[in-house]
Protein backbone atom coordinates (compact mmCIF):
# COMPACT_ATOMS: atom_id res chain seq x y z
CA MET A 1 -0.09 -0.46 0.04
CA SER A 2 1.27 3.56 -1.15
CA ALA A 3 2.46 5.90 1.67
CA GLN A 4 -0.42 7.90 -0.42
CA VAL A 5 -3.24 5.63 -0.07
CA ARG A 6 -2.98 5.04 3.62
CA PRO A 7 -3.64 8.09 4.98
CA ILE A 8 -7.72 7.97 2.53
CA VAL A 9 -7.34 4.03 4.22
CA LEU A 10 -7.70 4.83 7.95
CA ILE A 11 -9.65 8.19 7.82
CA ALA A 12 -12.42 6.15 5.79
CA ALA A 13 -12.17 3.45 8.60
CA LEU A 14 -12.02 6.10 11.61
CA PHE A 15 -14.90 7.75 9.82
CA THR A 16 -16.80 4.11 9.75
CA LEU A 17 -15.89 3.69 13.60
CA PHE A 18 -17.90 6.80 14.27
CA VAL A 19 -20.73 5.78 12.89
CA SER A 20 -20.59 2.29 14.50
CA VAL A 21 -19.95 3.98 18.13
CA GLY A 22 -21.43 7.34 17.73
CA SER A 23 -24.90 7.16 18.59
CA ALA A 24 -23.79 4.88 21.67
CA ALA A 25 -23.79 6.07 25.19
CA PRO A 26 -20.09 6.08 26.44
CA ALA A 27 -20.90 2.91 28.83
CA ASP A 28 -22.35 1.01 26.03
CA ARG A 29 -18.89 1.18 23.96
CA GLY A 30 -16.91 -1.42 26.09
CA ALA A 31 -15.80 -4.06 23.61
CA THR A 32 -16.52 -2.20 20.37
CA PHE A 33 -14.42 0.75 21.57
CA THR A 34 -12.23 -1.65 22.86
CA LYS A 35 -11.59 -3.16 19.22
CA ALA A 36 -11.21 -0.38 17.36
CA ALA A 37 -9.09 1.82 19.90
CA SER A 38 -6.53 -1.15 20.02
CA ASP A 39 -6.32 -1.74 16.00
CA ALA A 40 -5.84 2.14 15.70
CA ILE A 41 -2.61 2.10 18.23
CA ASP A 42 -1.41 -1.34 15.82
CA THR A 43 -1.66 1.00 12.81
CA VAL A 44 0.01 3.55 14.26
CA ALA A 45 3.03 1.45 16.01
CA ARG A 46 3.49 -0.15 12.27
CA GLU A 47 3.26 2.39 10.68
CA ASP A 48 4.78 5.58 12.82
CA ARG A 49 6.81 3.28 14.98
CA PHE A 50 4.82 4.40 17.97
CA SER A 51 6.96 3.02 21.48
CA GLY A 52 4.88 3.05 24.44
CA VAL A 53 1.98 2.71 26.99
CA ILE A 54 -1.44 3.61 26.37
CA LEU A 55 -4.39 3.39 28.98
CA VAL A 56 -8.59 4.46 28.82
CA ALA A 57 -10.23 4.28 31.41
CA ARG A 58 -13.63 5.43 32.99
CA GLY A 59 -13.45 6.00 37.11
CA ASP A 60 -11.84 2.35 38.01
CA GLN A 61 -13.27 1.14 35.31
CA VAL A 62 -10.00 0.28 32.43
CA LEU A 63 -10.95 -0.09 28.83
CA LEU A 64 -7.83 0.13 26.99
CA ARG A 65 -4.10 -1.03 28.49
CA LYS A 66 -1.77 -1.67 25.84
CA ALA A 67 1.99 -1.48 25.21
CA ALA A 68 3.76 -1.28 21.67
CA GLY A 69 7.29 -0.99 20.98
CA LEU A 70 10.50 -2.01 22.77
CA ALA A 71 11.93 -0.61 25.96
CA ASP A 72 15.27 -2.20 25.11
CA ARG A 73 15.85 -1.82 21.96
CA GLU A 74 19.15 -3.22 22.31
CA ARG A 75 18.59 -6.26 24.26
CA ASN A 76 15.00 -6.79 22.19
CA ILE A 77 12.95 -6.08 25.51
CA PRO A 78 8.85 -5.14 24.65
CA ASN A 79 7.57 -2.45 26.78
CA THR A 80 4.54 -3.25 28.98
CA PRO A 81 1.61 -1.59 30.40
CA LYS A 82 4.03 -2.26 33.96
CA THR A 83 6.71 -0.30 32.56
CA LYS A 84 8.18 2.85 34.24
CA PHE A 85 8.48 6.02 31.91
CA PRO A 86 9.43 9.73 33.01
CA ILE A 87 6.44 11.87 32.54
CA TYR A 88 8.26 15.05 32.49
CA SER A 89 6.03 18.45 32.74
CA VAL A 90 3.31 16.23 34.30
CA THR A 91 5.19 16.39 37.46
CA LYS A 92 4.75 19.73 38.07
CA GLN A 93 0.57 19.03 38.86
CA PHE A 94 2.88 16.77 41.99
CA THR A 95 4.60 19.93 42.66
CA ALA A 96 1.81 21.63 42.49
CA ALA A 97 0.25 19.39 44.87
CA ALA A 98 2.45 19.58 47.18
CA ILE A 99 2.38 22.82 47.96
CA MET A 100 -0.95 22.46 48.24
CA LEU A 101 -0.61 19.97 51.06
CA LEU A 102 2.36 22.12 53.45
CA VAL A 103 -0.67 24.86 52.63
CA GLN A 104 -3.55 22.56 54.29
CA ASP A 105 -0.57 22.15 56.99
CA GLY A 106 -0.34 26.18 57.45
CA LYS A 107 3.36 25.42 56.49
CA VAL A 108 2.93 27.89 53.01
CA SER A 109 0.72 30.45 52.30
CA LEU A 110 0.20 31.06 48.35
CA GLU A 111 0.81 35.33 48.71
CA ASP A 112 4.28 34.09 50.49
CA ARG A 113 6.91 36.19 48.44
CA ILE A 114 9.89 33.77 47.03
CA SER A 115 12.86 35.57 49.28
CA LYS A 116 10.60 34.14 52.25
CA TYR A 117 12.06 30.79 50.94
CA TYR A 118 14.99 31.72 48.92
CA ALA A 119 17.06 34.35 50.60
CA ALA A 120 19.66 34.47 48.04
CA SER A 121 16.21 36.10 45.79
CA PRO A 122 17.41 39.29 43.50
CA PRO A 123 15.48 42.89 43.76
CA ALA A 124 13.94 41.71 40.94
CA TRP A 125 12.40 38.53 42.53
CA GLN A 126 11.08 40.65 45.87
CA ASP A 127 7.20 40.80 44.54
CA VAL A 128 7.26 37.49 43.01
CA THR A 129 4.98 35.18 45.08
CA ILE A 130 4.35 30.90 44.72
CA LYS A 131 0.80 31.17 43.37
CA HIS A 132 2.59 33.27 40.56
CA LEU A 133 5.18 30.78 40.60
CA LEU A 134 2.11 27.66 40.17
CA THR A 135 0.69 29.67 37.34
CA HIS A 136 4.14 30.58 35.53
CA GLY A 137 3.09 34.30 35.82
CA SER A 138 5.88 35.15 38.00
CA GLY A 139 8.33 36.85 34.79
CA ILE A 140 11.15 34.44 35.81
CA ARG A 141 12.65 33.61 32.52
CA ASP A 142 12.87 29.46 31.57
CA TYR A 143 16.98 28.27 32.14
CA TRP A 144 17.33 28.84 28.61
CA VAL A 145 16.10 31.62 27.49
CA ASN A 146 19.72 33.45 28.69
CA HIS A 147 21.51 30.36 29.30
CA PRO A 148 20.85 28.10 26.68
CA GLU A 149 24.25 26.02 28.11
CA ALA A 150 21.62 25.25 30.68
CA ARG A 151 19.75 23.25 28.77
CA GLN A 152 22.71 20.79 27.93
CA ALA A 153 23.44 21.44 31.27
CA LEU A 154 20.32 19.09 32.14
CA GLU A 155 20.30 17.00 29.21
CA ASP A 156 23.26 15.40 29.87
CA GLY A 157 24.35 16.22 33.55
CA THR A 158 27.51 16.55 33.26
CA LEU A 159 27.50 21.01 34.42
CA PHE A 160 24.11 21.54 37.00
CA GLN A 161 24.21 19.11 39.57
CA THR A 162 21.49 21.31 42.25
CA HIS A 163 18.77 23.79 41.88
CA GLU A 164 21.16 25.75 43.41
CA GLN A 165 23.99 25.78 40.98
CA LEU A 166 21.17 26.92 38.38
CA PHE A 167 19.63 29.91 40.16
CA GLN A 168 23.14 30.82 41.31
CA LEU A 169 23.20 31.22 37.24
CA MET A 170 20.13 33.33 36.24
CA ILE A 171 19.65 35.02 38.91
CA GLY A 172 21.08 38.20 37.73
CA ASP A 173 18.20 38.20 34.51
CA PRO A 174 15.38 40.34 33.75
CA LEU A 175 12.43 39.77 34.56
CA ALA A 176 10.25 39.09 31.46
CA PHE A 177 7.08 41.00 32.73
CA ALA A 178 6.15 42.64 36.35
CA PRO A 179 4.75 39.65 38.33
CA GLY A 180 1.12 38.42 37.55
CA THR A 181 0.45 40.21 35.02
CA SER A 182 1.26 37.93 32.58
CA MET A 183 2.49 34.66 31.70
CA SER A 184 5.42 32.55 30.25
CA TYR A 185 5.60 28.89 30.94
CA SER A 186 8.84 28.32 33.38
CA ASN A 187 10.23 25.23 34.44
CA ALA A 188 12.63 27.71 36.03
CA GLY A 189 9.46 28.54 38.45
CA TYR A 190 8.84 24.73 38.90
CA GLY A 191 12.69 24.59 40.62
CA LEU A 192 12.35 27.19 43.16
CA LEU A 193 8.95 25.69 43.95
CA THR A 194 10.60 22.85 44.55
CA MET A 195 13.25 24.22 46.63
CA VAL A 196 10.22 25.93 48.76
CA ILE A 197 8.87 22.32 49.48
CA GLU A 198 12.19 21.28 50.98
CA ARG A 199 12.53 24.19 52.88
CA ALA A 200 8.77 24.79 54.11
CA SER A 201 9.06 20.38 54.81
CA GLY A 202 12.45 20.27 56.06
CA GLN A 203 12.18 17.36 53.82
CA LEU A 204 14.13 16.24 50.09
CA TYR A 205 11.57 16.60 47.08
CA GLU A 206 11.15 13.06 46.51
CA ALA A 207 10.96 11.84 49.93
CA PHE A 208 8.12 14.94 51.02
CA LEU A 209 6.59 13.18 47.22
CA ARG A 210 6.94 10.07 48.59
CA ASP A 211 5.83 10.15 52.17
CA ARG A 212 2.67 12.40 51.46
CA ILE A 213 1.68 11.49 48.28
CA PHE A 214 2.85 8.57 46.36
CA VAL A 215 3.08 5.57 49.27
CA PRO A 216 -0.45 7.24 51.34
CA LEU A 217 -2.13 6.27 47.31
CA SER A 218 0.11 2.81 47.16
CA MET A 219 1.71 4.59 43.82
CA HIS A 220 4.64 1.98 44.13
CA ASP A 221 6.25 2.10 40.96
CA THR A 222 6.24 6.41 40.92
CA GLY A 223 8.99 8.25 42.00
CA SER A 224 11.43 11.12 41.49
CA GLY A 225 14.70 10.68 40.01
CA SER A 226 16.34 7.63 38.67
CA MET A 227 14.59 4.59 37.39
CA THR A 228 14.85 1.30 38.60
CA GLY A 229 13.55 -1.94 37.88
CA ASP A 230 11.30 -2.56 35.09
CA ALA A 231 12.01 1.13 33.31
CA ALA A 232 12.19 1.95 29.34
CA LYS A 233 15.43 3.44 27.63
CA GLY A 234 14.64 7.03 25.86
CA TYR A 235 15.44 7.11 22.15
CA SER A 236 15.67 9.49 19.54
CA GLN A 237 16.08 9.21 15.90
CA SER A 238 19.21 10.02 13.80
CA PRO A 239 18.26 12.23 10.14
CA GLN A 240 19.49 8.44 8.93
CA SER A 241 17.37 6.70 11.09
CA GLU A 242 19.61 5.53 13.52
CA TRP A 243 18.22 4.96 17.34
CA GLN A 244 20.05 7.38 19.90
CA VAL A 245 19.85 6.05 23.60
CA VAL A 246 19.05 9.66 25.48
CA ASN A 247 20.60 9.95 28.94
CA LEU A 248 18.78 12.74 30.56
CA ASP A 249 19.44 13.40 33.86
CA LEU A 250 15.85 13.69 36.18
CA VAL A 251 17.24 14.39 38.96
CA SER A 252 18.49 17.79 38.03
CA LEU A 253 14.84 18.15 36.44
CA GLY A 254 13.47 18.08 40.23
CA GLY A 255 9.72 19.47 40.49
CA ALA A 256 9.65 21.24 37.11
CA GLY A 257 10.33 17.62 35.69
CA GLY A 258 12.06 14.53 37.53
CA ILE A 259 9.08 11.86 38.23
CA TYR A 260 8.56 8.93 36.48
CA SER A 261 5.77 6.63 37.27
CA THR A 262 3.05 3.54 35.23
CA LEU A 263 -0.15 3.81 33.85
CA ASP A 264 -1.83 2.06 36.93
CA ASP A 265 -0.36 4.69 38.74
CA MET A 266 -1.15 7.26 36.82
CA LEU A 267 -4.63 6.19 36.99
CA THR A 268 -4.81 5.55 40.72
CA TRP A 269 -3.60 9.64 40.80
CA SER A 270 -6.07 10.41 38.43
CA ASN A 271 -9.21 9.29 40.71
CA ALA A 272 -7.59 10.12 43.97
CA LEU A 273 -7.93 13.75 42.49
CA ASP A 274 -11.60 13.67 42.40
CA ASP A 275 -11.94 13.10 45.93
CA GLU A 276 -10.08 13.81 49.69
CA ARG A 277 -8.11 10.74 50.30
CA LEU A 278 -5.20 13.76 49.96
CA LEU A 279 -6.10 17.46 49.01
CA SER A 280 -9.07 18.59 50.83
CA VAL A 281 -11.90 20.65 48.71
CA ALA A 282 -10.53 23.77 48.77
CA SER A 283 -7.08 22.95 47.56
CA ARG A 284 -8.54 20.44 44.35
CA THR A 285 -10.30 23.90 43.43
CA ALA A 286 -7.14 26.14 43.83
CA LEU A 287 -5.50 23.46 41.14
CA PHE A 288 -8.43 23.06 38.90
CA THR A 289 -9.53 26.93 38.85
CA ASP A 290 -8.64 28.80 35.78
CA TYR A 291 -6.01 31.74 36.76
CA GLY A 292 -5.32 33.04 33.12
CA PHE A 293 -4.49 31.93 29.76
CA ASN A 294 -6.27 28.37 30.76
CA TYR A 295 -3.48 27.05 32.89
CA GLY A 296 -4.34 26.23 36.59
CA PHE A 297 -1.44 24.45 39.15
CA GLY A 298 0.21 22.72 36.93
CA TRP A 299 -2.57 21.96 35.04
CA ARG A 300 -3.98 23.35 31.74
CA PHE A 301 -7.85 23.56 30.33
CA GLN A 302 -10.00 23.76 27.27
CA THR A 303 -12.92 22.73 25.71
CA ARG A 304 -11.92 19.37 23.32
CA TYR A 305 -14.75 17.22 21.65
CA GLY A 306 -17.33 19.06 22.89
CA HIS A 307 -16.31 18.23 26.14
CA ARG A 308 -13.80 19.47 29.49
CA LEU A 309 -10.75 18.69 29.30
CA ILE A 310 -7.74 19.02 32.09
CA TRP A 311 -4.87 18.25 30.48
CA HIS A 312 -0.94 18.65 30.74
CA THR A 313 2.19 17.04 28.65
CA GLY A 314 5.88 16.07 29.09
CA ASN A 315 8.39 16.51 27.23
CA ALA A 316 11.86 17.48 26.07
CA GLY A 317 11.55 17.57 22.47
CA PRO A 318 12.13 15.40 19.75
CA ARG A 319 15.28 14.88 21.13
CA GLY A 320 14.51 13.89 24.38
CA GLY A 321 13.89 10.50 25.15
CA PHE A 322 10.25 10.35 26.23
CA ALA A 323 7.02 12.37 26.18
CA ALA A 324 4.19 11.69 28.18
CA ILE A 325 0.35 12.88 27.44
CA PHE A 326 -2.12 13.06 30.64
CA ASN A 327 -5.92 14.11 30.16
CA ARG A 328 -8.66 13.89 32.12
CA PHE A 329 -12.58 14.77 31.04
CA PRO A 330 -13.81 14.98 34.78
CA GLU A 331 -17.61 15.53 33.62
CA ASP A 332 -17.32 11.94 31.32
CA ASN A 333 -15.04 10.92 34.29
CA VAL A 334 -12.68 9.28 31.81
CA THR A 335 -8.65 9.32 31.73
CA VAL A 336 -6.37 8.85 29.28
CA VAL A 337 -2.93 8.47 29.98
CA VAL A 338 -0.07 7.65 27.00
CA LEU A 339 3.05 7.72 27.47
CA THR A 340 6.09 7.31 24.82
CA ASN A 341 9.95 6.30 24.27
CA ASN A 342 9.97 7.93 20.61
CA PRO A 343 9.05 11.13 21.24
CA SER A 344 10.13 11.65 16.62
CA LEU A 345 8.53 14.19 15.28
CA ILE A 346 5.99 12.36 12.38
CA ASP A 347 4.09 13.90 9.19
CA TYR A 348 0.99 14.34 11.46
CA THR A 349 -0.31 17.95 13.25
CA ALA A 350 -2.57 18.72 15.82
CA THR A 351 -3.94 22.01 17.39
CA MET A 352 -4.17 22.50 21.47
CA THR A 353 -5.43 25.44 23.67
CA VAL A 354 -1.93 26.40 24.62
CA GLY A 355 -1.61 29.60 26.37
CA GLY A 356 -4.92 30.97 25.77
CA GLN A 357 -4.69 30.61 22.03
CA PRO A 358 -4.81 28.11 19.90
CA LEU A 359 -1.33 26.46 18.79
CA THR A 360 -0.87 23.50 15.68
CA PHE A 361 2.44 21.84 15.76
CA GLN A 362 4.13 18.78 14.54
CA GLY A 363 3.19 16.09 16.86
CA ASN A 364 5.04 12.23 17.42
CA ALA A 365 3.16 9.56 16.98
CA ALA A 366 2.56 9.48 21.02
CA ARG A 367 0.43 12.42 20.07
CA LYS A 368 -1.61 10.41 16.61
CA VAL A 369 -2.25 7.57 18.82
CA THR A 370 -4.41 10.32 21.75
CA ASP A 371 -6.00 11.96 19.14
CA GLN A 372 -7.14 8.48 17.67
CA VAL A 373 -8.36 6.89 20.79
CA GLU A 374 -10.04 9.97 22.23
CA GLN A 375 -11.86 10.72 18.94
CA LEU A 376 -13.02 6.67 19.14
CA TYR A 377 -14.62 6.80 22.50
CA PHE A 378 -16.44 10.44 21.80
CA GLY A 379 -17.29 9.86 18.53
CA ARG A 380 -16.28 12.75 16.70
CA ALA A 381 -13.48 14.73 15.72
CA PRO A 382 -12.41 18.03 18.30
């Protein structure tokens, strides 16, 4: 089959599936959806080299739990639904939840200035609050805007070993805007929140999350820092289509992107956001409030397939080895998790609302899988 014919055939097949399930209530889709979604994943894995895992659940009911591709290409070890993957910036919602736990403990206020926890704060940061950092409204630029060597250092782990070293590099940089007046996505801001958590709790970031989130929820395969056990290797493809192993230092990413997890643990986390096992109603309301630019505390918001979507992604670009997509449709009680160890871009475009504006971008196979599975579930295009 030619490359030109394949997309037409796939679109026709998906249209037929939409017609067959589109009029059914979600509770009635069950096996029909699971079979159609599984077939779609197999097609993308075969044609676009999707390598990773995907889960679709309605509440606790798992509708789809599937793996494709290899966790370790050198040893020919396949991915499984239990394989661990970095979740990169999906980490931010855990960091935000940790801050809200400290707010519940009375140890942190959202209106606290960062200088309360970081004495070396420059004068430019004097009006930056915890809330500004959570919403990317601080004006503090990301590490690599003025210091591109910081990105390389994070990727190879050869220079910056602590958050302190990173911030010493950037404390002399001017703010992009006055705090609270705009938004600019900043991993540096969530790096500062990592230090707030450590200084307010008296524990290392990874220990606080373990003791207050992962252990209470029995998320036994989730942690911060280096992955152990059944973990995927990250890969990128060279211009000559050669596979290259990516060795990113998760420890350096901290509260901005340093967590790894599994499909099952991420579903546990999603369901815990609907009750008071960890967070109070007030704390969860704070997380999921839109403070402008379709962003809350570590969460993005938009309408998709005619339904409200709360989401976040994590990636370090097509050469970053991994990518994660975490979507929640709260009114439908639906969770979609996709984790990949092949984030290479493919001939596919997608549109999402980012920073309050629609953004069309070239996607990877994980994005294509996510879109196709969600369209099958909801029976309509975005």
